[in-house]
Amino acid sequence: MNTKQAIAQRIIDLCNERNIAINALANLSGVSPSTVYSMLNEKSQNPGTVSIKKLCDGLDITLREFFNSPIFDNIEQEIK
């Protein structure tokens, strides 16, 4: 799993934990649904930190809480 895939999976997991849809997360965060969906699919290879922070604000968590997940422990090296 690479970083982008881990971020996408974390967003999905957090939405599932809170029982909210992706569109609802977008509305809570002040981010367009298309931006969130591009973060979840292959369209965006580099989800921006500001967008991730806005999603965290919508989820009422910190960036530290977002990245404090085992999903980020074994990410593939991105330098090739």
N, C-alpha and C. Protein backbone atom coordinates (compact mmCIF):
# COMPACT_ATOMS: atom_id res chain seq x y z
N MET A 1 0.86 -1.17 0.00
CA MET A 1 0.00 0.00 0.00
C MET A 1 0.90 1.23 0.00
N ASN A 2 0.57 2.21 -0.83
CA ASN A 2 1.34 3.45 -0.83
C ASN A 2 0.63 4.50 0.03
N THR A 3 1.26 5.65 0.17
CA THR A 3 0.73 6.70 1.04
C THR A 3 -0.65 7.16 0.61
N LYS A 4 -0.83 7.39 -0.68
CA LYS A 4 -2.12 7.86 -1.22
C LYS A 4 -3.22 6.86 -0.92
N GLN A 5 -2.94 5.58 -1.11
CA GLN A 5 -3.92 4.54 -0.83
C GLN A 5 -4.24 4.46 0.66
N ALA A 6 -3.23 4.65 1.50
CA ALA A 6 -3.44 4.62 2.95
C ALA A 6 -4.31 5.79 3.40
N ILE A 7 -4.07 6.98 2.84
CA ILE A 7 -4.88 8.15 3.17
C ILE A 7 -6.33 7.92 2.75
N ALA A 8 -6.52 7.40 1.53
CA ALA A 8 -7.87 7.13 1.04
C ALA A 8 -8.58 6.13 1.95
N GLN A 9 -7.88 5.07 2.33
CA GLN A 9 -8.49 4.05 3.19
C GLN A 9 -8.81 4.62 4.56
N ARG A 10 -7.95 5.49 5.07
CA ARG A 10 -8.20 6.09 6.38
C ARG A 10 -9.45 6.97 6.35
N ILE A 11 -9.62 7.73 5.27
CA ILE A 11 -10.82 8.56 5.13
C ILE A 11 -12.06 7.67 5.13
N ILE A 12 -12.02 6.60 4.36
CA ILE A 12 -13.15 5.68 4.28
C ILE A 12 -13.43 5.06 5.65
N ASP A 13 -12.37 4.63 6.34
CA ASP A 13 -12.54 4.01 7.66
C ASP A 13 -13.16 4.99 8.66
N LEU A 14 -12.69 6.23 8.65
CA LEU A 14 -13.23 7.23 9.57
C LEU A 14 -14.70 7.52 9.28
N CYS A 15 -15.05 7.58 8.01
CA CYS A 15 -16.47 7.79 7.65
C CYS A 15 -17.31 6.61 8.11
N ASN A 16 -16.80 5.40 7.91
CA ASN A 16 -17.53 4.21 8.35
C ASN A 16 -17.70 4.18 9.87
N GLU A 17 -16.63 4.54 10.60
CA GLU A 17 -16.71 4.56 12.06
C GLU A 17 -17.78 5.54 12.55
N ARG A 18 -17.93 6.64 11.83
CA ARG A 18 -18.87 7.68 12.24
C ARG A 18 -20.22 7.57 11.52
N ASN A 19 -20.32 6.57 10.65
CA ASN A 19 -21.54 6.32 9.91
C ASN A 19 -21.98 7.56 9.11
N ILE A 20 -21.01 8.16 8.41
CA ILE A 20 -21.34 9.30 7.55
C ILE A 20 -20.88 9.01 6.13
N ALA A 21 -21.61 9.55 5.19
CA ALA A 21 -21.28 9.37 3.78
C ALA A 21 -20.17 10.34 3.38
N ILE A 22 -19.52 10.03 2.28
CA ILE A 22 -18.47 10.88 1.75
C ILE A 22 -19.00 12.29 1.47
N ASN A 23 -20.19 12.38 0.89
CA ASN A 23 -20.78 13.70 0.63
C ASN A 23 -21.02 14.48 1.92
N ALA A 24 -21.43 13.79 2.96
CA ALA A 24 -21.65 14.44 4.26
C ALA A 24 -20.31 14.95 4.82
N LEU A 25 -19.26 14.15 4.67
CA LEU A 25 -17.94 14.59 5.12
C LEU A 25 -17.52 15.84 4.36
N ALA A 26 -17.74 15.86 3.06
CA ALA A 26 -17.40 17.03 2.25
C ALA A 26 -18.13 18.26 2.77
N ASN A 27 -19.41 18.13 3.04
CA ASN A 27 -20.21 19.25 3.55
C ASN A 27 -19.72 19.72 4.92
N LEU A 28 -19.41 18.78 5.79
CA LEU A 28 -18.92 19.12 7.12
C LEU A 28 -17.56 19.83 7.07
N SER A 29 -16.79 19.50 6.05
CA SER A 29 -15.41 19.98 5.95
C SER A 29 -15.25 21.23 5.11
N GLY A 30 -16.27 21.59 4.36
CA GLY A 30 -16.14 22.73 3.46
C GLY A 30 -15.27 22.42 2.26
N VAL A 31 -15.23 21.15 1.90
CA VAL A 31 -14.47 20.69 0.73
C VAL A 31 -15.48 20.17 -0.26
N SER A 32 -15.26 20.42 -1.54
CA SER A 32 -16.22 19.93 -2.53
C SER A 32 -16.20 18.40 -2.57
N PRO A 33 -17.36 17.80 -2.82
CA PRO A 33 -17.40 16.34 -2.94
C PRO A 33 -16.44 15.82 -4.01
N SER A 34 -16.28 16.57 -5.10
CA SER A 34 -15.37 16.11 -6.16
C SER A 34 -13.93 16.05 -5.65
N THR A 35 -13.56 16.97 -4.77
CA THR A 35 -12.21 16.94 -4.19
C THR A 35 -12.03 15.70 -3.32
N VAL A 36 -13.02 15.40 -2.50
CA VAL A 36 -12.93 14.23 -1.64
C VAL A 36 -12.89 12.96 -2.49
N TYR A 37 -13.76 12.86 -3.48
CA TYR A 37 -13.76 11.66 -4.33
C TYR A 37 -12.46 11.52 -5.10
N SER A 38 -11.85 12.64 -5.50
CA SER A 38 -10.57 12.55 -6.22
C SER A 38 -9.47 12.06 -5.27
N MET A 39 -9.61 12.36 -3.98
CA MET A 39 -8.65 11.85 -2.99
C MET A 39 -8.82 10.35 -2.80
N LEU A 40 -10.02 9.85 -3.04
CA LEU A 40 -10.31 8.44 -2.82
C LEU A 40 -10.02 7.56 -4.02
N ASN A 41 -9.96 8.16 -5.20
CA ASN A 41 -9.68 7.35 -6.39
C ASN A 41 -8.32 7.71 -6.96
N GLU A 42 -8.03 7.21 -8.11
CA GLU A 42 -6.71 7.39 -8.71
C GLU A 42 -6.50 8.77 -9.33
N LYS A 43 -7.53 9.61 -9.33
CA LYS A 43 -7.43 10.92 -9.96
C LYS A 43 -6.37 11.79 -9.29
N SER A 44 -6.32 11.78 -7.98
CA SER A 44 -5.36 12.59 -7.23
C SER A 44 -4.29 11.68 -6.66
N GLN A 45 -3.06 11.82 -7.14
CA GLN A 45 -1.97 10.99 -6.62
C GLN A 45 -1.32 11.62 -5.40
N ASN A 46 -1.63 12.89 -5.12
CA ASN A 46 -1.00 13.57 -4.00
C ASN A 46 -2.04 14.41 -3.25
N PRO A 47 -2.81 13.79 -2.37
CA PRO A 47 -3.81 14.55 -1.62
C PRO A 47 -3.13 15.64 -0.80
N GLY A 48 -3.60 16.85 -0.92
CA GLY A 48 -2.97 17.98 -0.25
C GLY A 48 -3.17 17.98 1.25
N THR A 49 -2.18 18.48 1.95
CA THR A 49 -2.24 18.56 3.40
C THR A 49 -3.38 19.47 3.87
N VAL A 50 -3.60 20.56 3.15
CA VAL A 50 -4.67 21.48 3.53
C VAL A 50 -6.03 20.78 3.41
N SER A 51 -6.21 20.01 2.34
CA SER A 51 -7.47 19.27 2.18
C SER A 51 -7.64 18.23 3.28
N ILE A 52 -6.57 17.52 3.61
CA ILE A 52 -6.64 16.53 4.68
C ILE A 52 -6.98 17.22 6.00
N LYS A 53 -6.37 18.39 6.26
CA LYS A 53 -6.66 19.14 7.48
C LYS A 53 -8.12 19.56 7.53
N LYS A 54 -8.68 19.99 6.40
CA LYS A 54 -10.09 20.37 6.36
C LYS A 54 -10.98 19.17 6.67
N LEU A 55 -10.62 18.00 6.13
CA LEU A 55 -11.40 16.79 6.43
C LEU A 55 -11.31 16.48 7.92
N CYS A 56 -10.12 16.63 8.49
CA CYS A 56 -9.95 16.41 9.93
C CYS A 56 -10.84 17.36 10.73
N ASP A 57 -10.88 18.63 10.31
CA ASP A 57 -11.74 19.59 10.99
C ASP A 57 -13.20 19.15 10.92
N GLY A 58 -13.62 18.67 9.76
CA GLY A 58 -14.99 18.18 9.60
C GLY A 58 -15.28 16.96 10.46
N LEU A 59 -14.26 16.14 10.67
CA LEU A 59 -14.41 14.94 11.50
C LEU A 59 -14.16 15.24 12.97
N ASP A 60 -13.76 16.47 13.26
CA ASP A 60 -13.46 16.91 14.62
C ASP A 60 -12.32 16.10 15.23
N ILE A 61 -11.26 15.91 14.41
CA ILE A 61 -10.04 15.24 14.88
C ILE A 61 -8.85 16.09 14.45
N THR A 62 -7.70 15.80 15.04
CA THR A 62 -6.47 16.48 14.67
C THR A 62 -5.75 15.71 13.57
N LEU A 63 -4.79 16.37 12.94
CA LEU A 63 -3.96 15.67 11.95
C LEU A 63 -3.24 14.49 12.61
N ARG A 64 -2.79 14.69 13.84
CA ARG A 64 -2.12 13.61 14.57
C ARG A 64 -3.05 12.40 14.71
N GLU A 65 -4.31 12.65 15.05
CA GLU A 65 -5.27 11.55 15.18
C GLU A 65 -5.50 10.88 13.82
N PHE A 66 -5.55 11.68 12.76
CA PHE A 66 -5.76 11.11 11.43
C PHE A 66 -4.65 10.13 11.09
N PHE A 67 -3.40 10.55 11.32
CA PHE A 67 -2.27 9.71 10.94
C PHE A 67 -1.88 8.69 12.01
N ASN A 68 -2.53 8.72 13.15
CA ASN A 68 -2.26 7.77 14.22
C ASN A 68 -3.08 6.51 14.00
N SER A 69 -2.68 5.75 13.01
CA SER A 69 -3.39 4.53 12.65
C SER A 69 -2.38 3.50 12.14
N PRO A 70 -2.59 2.24 12.47
CA PRO A 70 -1.67 1.20 11.99
C PRO A 70 -1.57 1.14 10.46
N ILE A 71 -2.55 1.70 9.77
CA ILE A 71 -2.54 1.66 8.30
C ILE A 71 -1.31 2.37 7.74
N PHE A 72 -0.75 3.31 8.51
CA PHE A 72 0.41 4.07 8.05
C PHE A 72 1.76 3.44 8.48
N ASP A 73 1.71 2.34 9.21
CA ASP A 73 2.94 1.74 9.73
C ASP A 73 3.80 1.05 8.69
N ASN A 74 3.21 0.47 7.68
CA ASN A 74 3.98 -0.31 6.72
C ASN A 74 3.80 0.16 5.29
N ILE A 75 3.88 1.46 5.11
CA ILE A 75 3.70 2.04 3.78
C ILE A 75 4.95 1.78 2.95
N GLU A 76 4.74 1.49 1.67
CA GLU A 76 5.86 1.28 0.76
C GLU A 76 6.69 2.55 0.63
N GLN A 77 7.97 2.36 0.40
CA GLN A 77 8.85 3.50 0.16
C GLN A 77 8.45 4.15 -1.16
N GLU A 78 8.34 5.48 -1.16
CA GLU A 78 7.88 6.21 -2.35
C GLU A 78 9.02 6.62 -3.27
N ILE A 79 10.25 6.62 -2.77
CA ILE A 79 11.40 7.01 -3.60
C ILE A 79 11.79 5.82 -4.46
N LYS A 80 11.90 6.09 -5.75
CA LYS A 80 12.23 4.98 -6.66
C LYS A 80 13.40 5.36 -7.51
